[in-house]
């Protein structure tokens, strides 16, 4: 697994975010949320520019949002989508390079590092920021930032 093990501290920007939100065990909700989002993206793209795919989640209780950052507030969302004006904030960034199928193991490793390094976590969204475009980037070169909300 190609994962940075030392966190960079970043300020994640305020973001207009549109998503499919699901609650429940990760293995039950994540794939379903992404499938619903991908089906709705063409309708959303008729109204606004989609900038990047991003996952927001809270681990306890599990709330998972498969979504996209967009240029601005969307007035009429397609049914099934939710808008969030995310305020941004301070994050510990770990970078994973490789296929998305490695992300559960990479995230598990990040959580181990947080405990070991005693990184103080604040109550906010955890984020997977998909830096590269999976349509044009080979799986082994895909870059994902795993962002932990930091005090």
N, C-alpha and C. Protein backbone atom coordinates (compact mmCIF):
# COMPACT_ATOMS: atom_id res chain seq x y z
N UNK A 1 0.85 -1.17 0.00
CA UNK A 1 0.00 0.00 0.00
C UNK A 1 0.89 1.24 0.00
N UNK A 2 0.58 2.17 -0.86
CA UNK A 2 1.37 3.40 -0.98
C UNK A 2 0.61 4.52 -0.26
N UNK A 3 0.96 4.72 1.03
CA UNK A 3 0.27 5.68 1.89
C UNK A 3 1.30 6.49 2.66
N UNK A 4 1.13 7.82 2.66
CA UNK A 4 2.00 8.64 3.50
C UNK A 4 1.66 8.34 4.96
N UNK A 5 2.66 8.25 5.81
CA UNK A 5 2.42 7.91 7.21
C UNK A 5 2.64 9.10 8.14
N UNK A 6 3.03 10.22 7.58
CA UNK A 6 3.20 11.47 8.33
C UNK A 6 2.19 12.46 7.77
N UNK A 7 1.37 13.02 8.65
CA UNK A 7 0.32 13.92 8.20
C UNK A 7 0.86 15.30 7.88
N UNK A 8 0.32 15.88 6.81
CA UNK A 8 0.50 17.30 6.52
C UNK A 8 -0.72 17.99 7.11
N UNK A 9 -0.55 19.16 7.70
CA UNK A 9 -1.68 19.93 8.21
C UNK A 9 -2.08 20.92 7.12
N UNK A 10 -3.37 20.88 6.74
CA UNK A 10 -3.87 21.75 5.69
C UNK A 10 -5.15 22.45 6.16
N UNK A 11 -5.51 23.51 5.47
CA UNK A 11 -6.81 24.14 5.63
C UNK A 11 -7.64 23.76 4.42
N UNK A 12 -8.63 22.89 4.63
CA UNK A 12 -9.51 22.49 3.53
C UNK A 12 -10.49 23.62 3.31
N UNK A 13 -10.70 24.04 2.07
CA UNK A 13 -11.51 25.23 1.81
C UNK A 13 -13.01 24.99 2.01
N UNK A 14 -13.73 26.08 2.24
CA UNK A 14 -15.19 26.03 2.22
C UNK A 14 -15.61 25.48 0.86
N UNK A 15 -16.65 24.67 0.85
CA UNK A 15 -17.01 23.93 -0.35
C UNK A 15 -18.53 23.85 -0.51
N UNK A 16 -19.01 24.08 -1.73
CA UNK A 16 -20.39 23.78 -2.08
C UNK A 16 -20.39 22.29 -2.42
N UNK A 17 -21.22 21.51 -1.73
CA UNK A 17 -21.16 20.05 -1.82
C UNK A 17 -22.56 19.50 -2.05
N UNK A 18 -22.68 18.60 -3.01
CA UNK A 18 -23.94 17.93 -3.30
C UNK A 18 -23.68 16.44 -3.19
N UNK A 19 -24.59 15.74 -2.47
CA UNK A 19 -24.30 14.34 -2.18
C UNK A 19 -25.55 13.48 -2.05
N UNK A 20 -25.30 12.19 -2.04
CA UNK A 20 -26.27 11.19 -1.60
C UNK A 20 -25.82 10.79 -0.21
N UNK A 21 -26.69 10.97 0.78
CA UNK A 21 -26.35 10.67 2.17
C UNK A 21 -27.02 9.37 2.60
N UNK A 22 -26.25 8.51 3.25
CA UNK A 22 -26.76 7.24 3.77
C UNK A 22 -26.24 7.04 5.19
N UNK A 23 -27.02 6.36 6.00
CA UNK A 23 -26.56 5.98 7.34
C UNK A 23 -26.62 4.47 7.45
N UNK A 24 -25.72 3.93 8.23
CA UNK A 24 -25.66 2.48 8.41
C UNK A 24 -24.23 2.00 8.25
N UNK A 25 -24.02 0.70 8.39
CA UNK A 25 -22.67 0.15 8.27
C UNK A 25 -22.03 0.49 6.92
N UNK A 26 -20.77 0.87 6.96
CA UNK A 26 -20.04 1.30 5.77
C UNK A 26 -20.21 0.33 4.61
N UNK A 27 -19.98 -0.96 4.88
CA UNK A 27 -20.02 -1.95 3.80
C UNK A 27 -21.40 -2.09 3.18
N UNK A 28 -22.45 -1.59 3.86
CA UNK A 28 -23.80 -1.64 3.31
C UNK A 28 -24.19 -0.36 2.57
N UNK A 29 -23.63 0.77 2.98
CA UNK A 29 -24.13 2.05 2.44
C UNK A 29 -23.22 2.70 1.40
N UNK A 30 -21.91 2.48 1.47
CA UNK A 30 -20.98 3.22 0.60
C UNK A 30 -21.23 2.94 -0.88
N UNK A 31 -21.24 1.71 -1.28
CA UNK A 31 -21.41 1.38 -2.71
C UNK A 31 -22.78 1.84 -3.21
N UNK A 32 -23.81 1.69 -2.38
CA UNK A 32 -25.16 2.13 -2.78
C UNK A 32 -25.19 3.64 -2.97
N UNK A 33 -24.54 4.38 -2.08
CA UNK A 33 -24.51 5.84 -2.21
C UNK A 33 -23.81 6.26 -3.49
N UNK A 34 -22.68 5.62 -3.80
CA UNK A 34 -21.97 5.97 -5.04
C UNK A 34 -22.79 5.62 -6.28
N UNK A 35 -23.46 4.47 -6.27
CA UNK A 35 -24.28 4.09 -7.42
C UNK A 35 -25.40 5.11 -7.65
N UNK A 36 -26.06 5.53 -6.57
CA UNK A 36 -27.12 6.54 -6.70
C UNK A 36 -26.55 7.87 -7.20
N UNK A 37 -25.40 8.27 -6.65
CA UNK A 37 -24.81 9.54 -7.07
C UNK A 37 -24.47 9.51 -8.56
N UNK A 38 -23.81 8.45 -9.02
CA UNK A 38 -23.41 8.38 -10.43
C UNK A 38 -24.63 8.44 -11.36
N UNK A 39 -25.74 7.87 -10.93
CA UNK A 39 -26.95 7.92 -11.75
C UNK A 39 -27.52 9.34 -11.82
N UNK A 40 -27.28 10.17 -10.78
CA UNK A 40 -27.85 11.52 -10.72
C UNK A 40 -26.91 12.61 -11.24
N UNK A 41 -25.64 12.31 -11.39
CA UNK A 41 -24.66 13.32 -11.82
C UNK A 41 -25.01 13.96 -13.16
N UNK A 42 -25.47 13.22 -14.18
CA UNK A 42 -25.80 13.90 -15.45
C UNK A 42 -26.85 15.00 -15.28
N UNK A 43 -27.89 14.76 -14.48
CA UNK A 43 -28.92 15.79 -14.24
C UNK A 43 -28.32 16.97 -13.49
N UNK A 44 -27.49 16.69 -12.50
CA UNK A 44 -26.85 17.76 -11.73
C UNK A 44 -25.94 18.59 -12.63
N UNK A 45 -25.21 17.93 -13.51
CA UNK A 45 -24.27 18.62 -14.41
C UNK A 45 -24.97 19.56 -15.39
N UNK A 46 -26.27 19.39 -15.58
CA UNK A 46 -27.02 20.31 -16.43
C UNK A 46 -27.19 21.68 -15.75
N UNK A 47 -27.06 21.72 -14.42
CA UNK A 47 -27.31 22.94 -13.65
C UNK A 47 -26.05 23.64 -13.16
N UNK A 48 -24.99 22.88 -12.96
CA UNK A 48 -23.79 23.45 -12.36
C UNK A 48 -22.55 22.69 -12.81
N UNK A 49 -21.42 23.32 -12.66
CA UNK A 49 -20.15 22.66 -12.99
C UNK A 49 -19.72 21.78 -11.81
N UNK A 50 -19.44 20.53 -12.11
CA UNK A 50 -18.93 19.60 -11.10
C UNK A 50 -17.42 19.72 -11.09
N UNK A 51 -16.88 19.98 -9.90
CA UNK A 51 -15.44 20.22 -9.79
C UNK A 51 -14.66 18.96 -9.44
N UNK A 52 -15.15 18.20 -8.45
CA UNK A 52 -14.39 17.05 -7.98
C UNK A 52 -15.30 16.11 -7.20
N UNK A 53 -14.99 14.84 -7.24
CA UNK A 53 -15.70 13.85 -6.42
C UNK A 53 -15.06 13.83 -5.03
N UNK A 54 -15.92 13.80 -4.01
CA UNK A 54 -15.45 13.82 -2.61
C UNK A 54 -16.41 12.98 -1.78
N UNK A 55 -15.86 12.29 -0.80
CA UNK A 55 -16.67 11.57 0.17
C UNK A 55 -16.53 12.27 1.52
N UNK A 56 -17.65 12.61 2.15
CA UNK A 56 -17.68 13.11 3.52
C UNK A 56 -18.30 12.01 4.37
N UNK A 57 -17.75 11.78 5.56
CA UNK A 57 -18.39 10.79 6.43
C UNK A 57 -18.10 11.10 7.90
N UNK A 58 -18.95 10.56 8.75
CA UNK A 58 -18.76 10.59 10.19
C UNK A 58 -18.84 9.14 10.65
N UNK A 59 -17.83 8.69 11.41
CA UNK A 59 -17.77 7.26 11.73
C UNK A 59 -18.73 6.77 12.82
N UNK A 60 -19.19 7.65 13.70
CA UNK A 60 -19.99 7.13 14.81
C UNK A 60 -21.11 8.10 15.17
N UNK A 61 -22.35 7.79 14.89
CA UNK A 61 -22.77 6.65 14.07
C UNK A 61 -22.42 6.90 12.61
N UNK A 62 -22.25 5.84 11.84
CA UNK A 62 -21.80 5.98 10.45
C UNK A 62 -22.81 6.74 9.61
N UNK A 63 -22.34 7.86 9.08
CA UNK A 63 -23.10 8.66 8.12
C UNK A 63 -22.16 8.88 6.94
N UNK A 64 -22.56 8.43 5.77
CA UNK A 64 -21.69 8.42 4.60
C UNK A 64 -22.32 9.25 3.49
N UNK A 65 -21.53 10.16 2.93
CA UNK A 65 -21.99 11.02 1.83
C UNK A 65 -21.09 10.82 0.62
N UNK A 66 -21.64 10.27 -0.45
CA UNK A 66 -20.94 10.18 -1.72
C UNK A 66 -21.33 11.42 -2.51
N UNK A 67 -20.35 12.25 -2.87
CA UNK A 67 -20.75 13.50 -3.49
C UNK A 67 -19.71 14.15 -4.38
N UNK A 68 -20.07 15.38 -4.75
CA UNK A 68 -19.23 16.18 -5.62
C UNK A 68 -19.19 17.61 -5.11
N UNK A 69 -18.05 18.26 -5.31
CA UNK A 69 -18.01 19.70 -5.06
C UNK A 69 -18.49 20.37 -6.34
N UNK A 70 -19.24 21.46 -6.16
CA UNK A 70 -19.80 22.18 -7.29
C UNK A 70 -19.45 23.65 -7.18
N UNK A 71 -19.67 24.40 -8.26
CA UNK A 71 -19.28 25.80 -8.32
C UNK A 71 -20.04 26.69 -7.34
N UNK A 72 -21.33 26.44 -7.16
CA UNK A 72 -22.13 27.31 -6.30
C UNK A 72 -23.37 26.57 -5.82
N UNK A 73 -24.18 27.24 -5.02
CA UNK A 73 -25.43 26.66 -4.54
C UNK A 73 -26.29 26.24 -5.73
N UNK A 74 -26.91 25.07 -5.62
CA UNK A 74 -27.79 24.58 -6.67
C UNK A 74 -29.23 24.82 -6.22
N UNK A 75 -30.01 25.50 -7.06
CA UNK A 75 -31.37 25.89 -6.68
C UNK A 75 -32.35 24.72 -6.67
N UNK A 76 -32.33 23.89 -7.71
CA UNK A 76 -33.27 22.76 -7.80
C UNK A 76 -32.48 21.46 -7.94
N UNK A 77 -32.27 20.81 -6.82
CA UNK A 77 -31.54 19.55 -6.85
C UNK A 77 -32.41 18.43 -7.38
N UNK A 78 -31.83 17.53 -8.15
CA UNK A 78 -32.56 16.32 -8.52
C UNK A 78 -32.94 15.56 -7.24
N UNK A 79 -34.10 14.91 -7.25
CA UNK A 79 -34.56 14.14 -6.10
C UNK A 79 -33.51 13.10 -5.73
N UNK A 80 -33.21 13.01 -4.44
CA UNK A 80 -32.22 12.06 -3.95
C UNK A 80 -30.90 12.70 -3.58
N UNK A 81 -30.72 13.98 -3.96
CA UNK A 81 -29.48 14.68 -3.64
C UNK A 81 -29.69 15.68 -2.52
N UNK A 82 -28.64 15.93 -1.77
CA UNK A 82 -28.66 16.88 -0.66
C UNK A 82 -27.54 17.90 -0.88
N UNK A 83 -27.82 19.16 -0.55
CA UNK A 83 -26.80 20.22 -0.64
C UNK A 83 -26.26 20.51 0.76
N UNK A 84 -24.94 20.65 0.86
CA UNK A 84 -24.28 21.05 2.10
C UNK A 84 -23.32 22.18 1.77
N UNK A 85 -23.42 23.29 2.49
CA UNK A 85 -22.41 24.35 2.40
C UNK A 85 -21.41 24.04 3.50
N UNK A 86 -20.32 23.40 3.11
CA UNK A 86 -19.31 22.96 4.07
C UNK A 86 -18.36 24.12 4.36
N UNK A 87 -18.13 24.40 5.64
CA UNK A 87 -17.33 25.55 6.05
C UNK A 87 -15.83 25.38 5.93
N UNK A 88 -15.37 24.16 5.69
CA UNK A 88 -13.93 23.94 5.61
C UNK A 88 -13.32 23.83 6.99
N UNK A 89 -11.99 23.83 7.05
CA UNK A 89 -11.32 23.77 8.35
C UNK A 89 -9.97 23.10 8.28
N UNK A 90 -9.39 22.94 9.45
CA UNK A 90 -8.05 22.35 9.61
C UNK A 90 -8.15 20.83 9.55
N UNK A 91 -7.27 20.23 8.74
CA UNK A 91 -7.26 18.78 8.55
C UNK A 91 -5.83 18.23 8.55
N UNK A 92 -5.70 17.01 9.06
CA UNK A 92 -4.47 16.24 8.89
C UNK A 92 -4.65 15.43 7.62
N UNK A 93 -3.72 15.62 6.67
CA UNK A 93 -3.84 14.99 5.35
C UNK A 93 -2.84 13.84 5.21
N UNK A 94 -3.38 12.69 4.82
CA UNK A 94 -2.58 11.53 4.45
C UNK A 94 -2.89 11.25 2.99
N UNK A 95 -1.88 10.92 2.20
CA UNK A 95 -2.10 10.73 0.77
C UNK A 95 -1.89 9.26 0.40
N UNK A 96 -2.88 8.72 -0.29
CA UNK A 96 -2.83 7.35 -0.78
C UNK A 96 -2.72 7.39 -2.30
N UNK A 97 -1.79 6.61 -2.85
CA UNK A 97 -1.67 6.46 -4.30
C UNK A 97 -1.92 4.99 -4.62
N UNK A 98 -2.91 4.77 -5.46
CA UNK A 98 -3.26 3.40 -5.84
C UNK A 98 -4.75 3.25 -6.01
N UNK A 99 -5.20 2.02 -6.25
CA UNK A 99 -6.61 1.80 -6.55
C UNK A 99 -7.53 2.11 -5.37
N UNK A 100 -8.76 2.51 -5.70
CA UNK A 100 -9.75 2.83 -4.67
C UNK A 100 -10.07 1.61 -3.81
N UNK A 101 -9.88 0.41 -4.35
CA UNK A 101 -10.14 -0.80 -3.57
C UNK A 101 -9.21 -0.92 -2.37
N UNK A 102 -8.09 -0.19 -2.38
CA UNK A 102 -7.16 -0.19 -1.24
C UNK A 102 -7.54 0.82 -0.16
N UNK A 103 -8.56 1.67 -0.41
CA UNK A 103 -8.89 2.73 0.53
C UNK A 103 -9.36 2.24 1.90
N UNK A 104 -10.16 1.17 2.01
CA UNK A 104 -10.51 0.72 3.37
C UNK A 104 -9.28 0.37 4.21
N UNK A 105 -8.32 -0.32 3.63
CA UNK A 105 -7.10 -0.66 4.37
C UNK A 105 -6.28 0.59 4.66
N UNK A 106 -6.20 1.51 3.70
CA UNK A 106 -5.45 2.75 3.91
C UNK A 106 -6.09 3.57 5.01
N UNK A 107 -7.41 3.69 5.01
CA UNK A 107 -8.10 4.43 6.07
C UNK A 107 -7.89 3.77 7.43
N UNK A 108 -7.93 2.45 7.47
CA UNK A 108 -7.66 1.73 8.72
C UNK A 108 -6.28 2.06 9.25
N UNK A 109 -5.29 2.10 8.37
CA UNK A 109 -3.92 2.45 8.76
C UNK A 109 -3.87 3.89 9.27
N UNK A 110 -4.58 4.81 8.62
CA UNK A 110 -4.61 6.21 9.06
C UNK A 110 -5.18 6.29 10.48
N UNK A 111 -6.26 5.55 10.75
CA UNK A 111 -6.84 5.57 12.09
C UNK A 111 -5.86 5.02 13.13
N UNK A 112 -5.07 4.02 12.76
CA UNK A 112 -4.02 3.52 13.67
C UNK A 112 -2.99 4.62 13.94
N UNK A 113 -2.59 5.36 12.92
CA UNK A 113 -1.61 6.44 13.07
C UNK A 113 -2.16 7.54 13.97
N UNK A 114 -3.43 7.87 13.81
CA UNK A 114 -4.06 8.90 14.65
C UNK A 114 -3.95 8.53 16.12
N UNK A 115 -4.23 7.28 16.44
CA UNK A 115 -4.15 6.83 17.84
C UNK A 115 -2.70 6.84 18.30
N UNK A 116 -1.80 6.27 17.50
CA UNK A 116 -0.39 6.17 17.88
C UNK A 116 0.23 7.55 18.08
N UNK A 117 -0.06 8.49 17.16
CA UNK A 117 0.53 9.82 17.23
C UNK A 117 -0.29 10.80 18.08
N UNK A 118 -1.38 10.29 18.66
CA UNK A 118 -2.24 11.10 19.53
C UNK A 118 -2.71 12.39 18.85
N UNK A 119 -3.14 12.26 17.61
CA UNK A 119 -3.68 13.40 16.87
C UNK A 119 -5.07 13.69 17.42
N UNK A 120 -5.29 14.93 17.83
CA UNK A 120 -6.58 15.32 18.37
C UNK A 120 -7.56 15.56 17.23
N UNK A 121 -8.68 14.86 17.30
CA UNK A 121 -9.69 14.91 16.25
C UNK A 121 -10.87 15.74 16.74
N UNK A 122 -11.36 16.63 15.87
CA UNK A 122 -12.55 17.42 16.22
C UNK A 122 -13.78 16.81 15.57
N UNK A 123 -14.94 17.19 16.07
CA UNK A 123 -16.20 16.67 15.55
C UNK A 123 -16.56 17.40 14.26
N UNK A 124 -16.25 16.78 13.15
CA UNK A 124 -16.54 17.33 11.83
C UNK A 124 -16.46 16.17 10.84
N UNK A 125 -16.69 16.47 9.58
CA UNK A 125 -16.61 15.43 8.56
C UNK A 125 -15.18 14.94 8.37
N UNK A 126 -15.02 13.63 8.24
CA UNK A 126 -13.81 13.03 7.71
C UNK A 126 -14.01 13.08 6.19
N UNK A 127 -12.92 13.19 5.44
CA UNK A 127 -13.05 13.40 3.99
C UNK A 127 -12.11 12.47 3.23
N UNK A 128 -12.62 11.92 2.13
CA UNK A 128 -11.77 11.32 1.11
C UNK A 128 -11.89 12.22 -0.10
N UNK A 129 -10.80 12.88 -0.43
CA UNK A 129 -10.75 13.83 -1.54
C UNK A 129 -10.06 13.15 -2.72
N UNK A 130 -10.84 12.86 -3.77
CA UNK A 130 -10.32 12.12 -4.92
C UNK A 130 -9.65 13.12 -5.86
N UNK A 131 -8.33 13.21 -5.76
CA UNK A 131 -7.55 14.22 -6.47
C UNK A 131 -7.49 13.94 -7.97
N UNK A 132 -7.31 12.69 -8.33
CA UNK A 132 -7.18 12.35 -9.75
C UNK A 132 -8.52 11.87 -10.30
N UNK A 133 -8.68 11.98 -11.61
CA UNK A 133 -9.90 11.59 -12.29
C UNK A 133 -9.80 10.11 -12.67
N UNK A 134 -10.69 9.27 -12.11
CA UNK A 134 -10.60 7.83 -12.41
C UNK A 134 -10.87 7.49 -13.87
N UNK A 135 -11.47 8.42 -14.61
CA UNK A 135 -11.74 8.18 -16.03
C UNK A 135 -10.48 8.31 -16.87
N UNK A 136 -9.48 9.06 -16.36
CA UNK A 136 -8.27 9.30 -17.15
C UNK A 136 -6.99 8.84 -16.46
N UNK A 137 -7.10 8.40 -15.20
CA UNK A 137 -5.92 8.01 -14.44
C UNK A 137 -5.90 6.50 -14.23
N UNK A 138 -4.79 5.83 -14.55
CA UNK A 138 -4.70 4.40 -14.28
C UNK A 138 -4.90 4.13 -12.77
N UNK A 139 -5.55 3.02 -12.44
CA UNK A 139 -5.88 2.69 -11.04
C UNK A 139 -4.67 2.80 -10.11
N UNK A 140 -3.54 2.30 -10.55
CA UNK A 140 -2.36 2.28 -9.68
C UNK A 140 -1.79 3.68 -9.43
N UNK A 141 -2.24 4.68 -10.22
CA UNK A 141 -1.74 6.05 -10.05
C UNK A 141 -2.80 7.00 -9.48
N UNK A 142 -3.96 6.45 -9.11
CA UNK A 142 -5.02 7.28 -8.54
C UNK A 142 -4.56 7.87 -7.20
N UNK A 143 -4.83 9.15 -7.00
CA UNK A 143 -4.41 9.84 -5.77
C UNK A 143 -5.65 10.23 -4.97
N UNK A 144 -5.67 9.81 -3.71
CA UNK A 144 -6.75 10.15 -2.79
C UNK A 144 -6.14 10.73 -1.52
N UNK A 145 -6.68 11.87 -1.10
CA UNK A 145 -6.30 12.44 0.19
C UNK A 145 -7.29 11.97 1.23
N UNK A 146 -6.77 11.38 2.29
CA UNK A 146 -7.58 10.98 3.44
C UNK A 146 -7.39 12.07 4.48
N UNK A 147 -8.48 12.80 4.76
CA UNK A 147 -8.40 14.00 5.59
C UNK A 147 -9.12 13.78 6.92
N UNK A 148 -8.40 14.05 7.99
CA UNK A 148 -8.92 13.86 9.35
C UNK A 148 -9.13 15.23 9.98
N UNK A 149 -10.35 15.53 10.48
CA UNK A 149 -10.60 16.83 11.09
C UNK A 149 -9.77 16.99 12.37
N UNK A 150 -8.91 17.98 12.37
CA UNK A 150 -7.91 18.13 13.42
C UNK A 150 -8.17 19.37 14.26
N UNK A 151 -7.90 19.24 15.55
CA UNK A 151 -8.05 20.37 16.48
C UNK A 151 -6.98 21.40 16.20
